[in-house]
Amino acid sequence: MTPETQEARLIAQRKLLARIVAVLQDPTVDNFLADRNHLELGAEDPGAVPDESLAFAGAIADELREIEKLADALRGQPPAP
């Protein structure tokens, strides 16, 4: 699978998930996304260098934020035919 194909599939999945979230309008799902769309670093060492696990967690938070933003934009729009 090419990187372009992989990216296209991920975008399609994001759009589908966002549509499902938008249609459900379930506070439990909305809270799940709101609680996980950012990193809470707490009182960390300001001189510490982020490691791979932090980058992975950051990528997850970014994706959940993108799904949340897209779902918010889709709410109120009529469903696609």
Protein backbone atom coordinates (compact mmCIF):
# COMPACT_ATOMS: atom_id res chain seq x y z
CA MET A 1 0.00 0.00 0.00
CA THR A 2 1.39 3.38 -0.95
CA PRO A 3 1.60 6.21 1.58
CA GLU A 4 -1.00 8.11 -0.45
CA THR A 5 -3.44 5.19 -0.30
CA GLN A 6 -2.87 4.78 3.42
CA GLU A 7 -3.47 8.49 4.01
CA ALA A 8 -6.65 8.41 1.88
CA ARG A 9 -7.99 5.49 3.90
CA LEU A 10 -7.28 7.26 7.18
CA ILE A 11 -9.06 10.39 5.95
CA ALA A 12 -12.06 8.31 4.88
CA GLN A 13 -12.19 6.69 8.31
CA ARG A 14 -11.96 10.09 10.01
CA LYS A 15 -14.84 11.41 7.91
CA LEU A 16 -16.98 8.35 8.64
CA LEU A 17 -16.30 8.51 12.38
CA ALA A 18 -17.04 12.23 12.46
CA ARG A 19 -20.34 11.67 10.63
CA ILE A 20 -21.31 8.95 13.14
CA VAL A 21 -20.41 11.21 16.08
CA ALA A 22 -22.36 14.09 14.54
CA VAL A 23 -25.47 12.00 13.93
CA LEU A 24 -25.41 10.30 17.33
CA GLN A 25 -25.17 13.58 19.26
CA ASP A 26 -24.43 11.44 22.32
CA PRO A 27 -23.02 13.39 25.29
CA THR A 28 -21.01 10.33 26.33
CA VAL A 29 -19.20 10.26 22.99
CA ASP A 30 -18.77 14.04 23.00
CA ASN A 31 -17.27 13.91 26.50
CA PHE A 32 -14.95 11.08 25.46
CA LEU A 33 -13.57 13.21 22.63
CA ALA A 34 -13.37 16.37 24.75
CA ASP A 35 -11.51 14.56 27.51
CA ARG A 36 -8.96 13.03 25.14
CA ASN A 37 -8.34 15.69 22.49
CA HIS A 38 -5.37 17.17 24.34
CA LEU A 39 -2.39 16.12 26.43
CA GLU A 40 -2.27 16.85 30.12
CA LEU A 41 1.39 17.01 30.93
CA GLY A 42 1.07 17.96 34.57
CA ALA A 43 4.09 19.17 36.50
CA GLU A 44 6.80 17.85 34.23
CA ASP A 45 10.42 18.86 34.08
CA PRO A 46 10.48 21.92 31.79
CA GLY A 47 13.85 20.84 30.43
CA ALA A 48 12.73 17.32 29.58
CA VAL A 49 12.90 16.17 25.98
CA PRO A 50 9.67 14.58 24.68
CA ASP A 51 10.05 10.90 23.85
CA GLU A 52 8.30 8.65 21.33
CA SER A 53 5.49 7.72 23.72
CA LEU A 54 4.63 11.40 24.18
CA ALA A 55 4.67 11.91 20.42
CA PHE A 56 2.35 8.90 19.98
CA ALA A 57 -0.06 10.20 22.62
CA GLY A 58 0.06 13.63 20.99
CA ALA A 59 -0.81 12.15 17.60
CA ILE A 60 -3.82 10.36 19.13
CA ALA A 61 -4.98 13.58 20.78
CA ASP A 62 -4.57 15.45 17.48
CA GLU A 63 -6.65 12.88 15.60
CA LEU A 64 -9.42 12.91 18.21
CA ARG A 65 -9.46 16.72 18.03
CA GLU A 66 -9.79 16.54 14.23
CA ILE A 67 -12.70 14.09 14.53
CA GLU A 68 -14.36 16.34 17.11
CA LYS A 69 -13.94 19.46 14.94
CA LEU A 70 -15.30 17.73 11.86
CA ALA A 71 -18.26 16.31 13.81
CA ASP A 72 -19.03 19.78 15.17
CA ALA A 73 -18.95 21.18 11.63
CA LEU A 74 -21.25 18.43 10.36
CA ARG A 75 -23.89 18.88 13.07
CA GLY A 76 -26.88 20.72 11.78
CA GLN A 77 -26.15 19.79 8.17
CA PRO A 78 -28.51 17.40 6.43
CA PRO A 79 -27.19 13.84 6.05
CA ALA A 80 -25.44 13.10 2.79
CA PRO A 81 -27.63 11.26 0.28
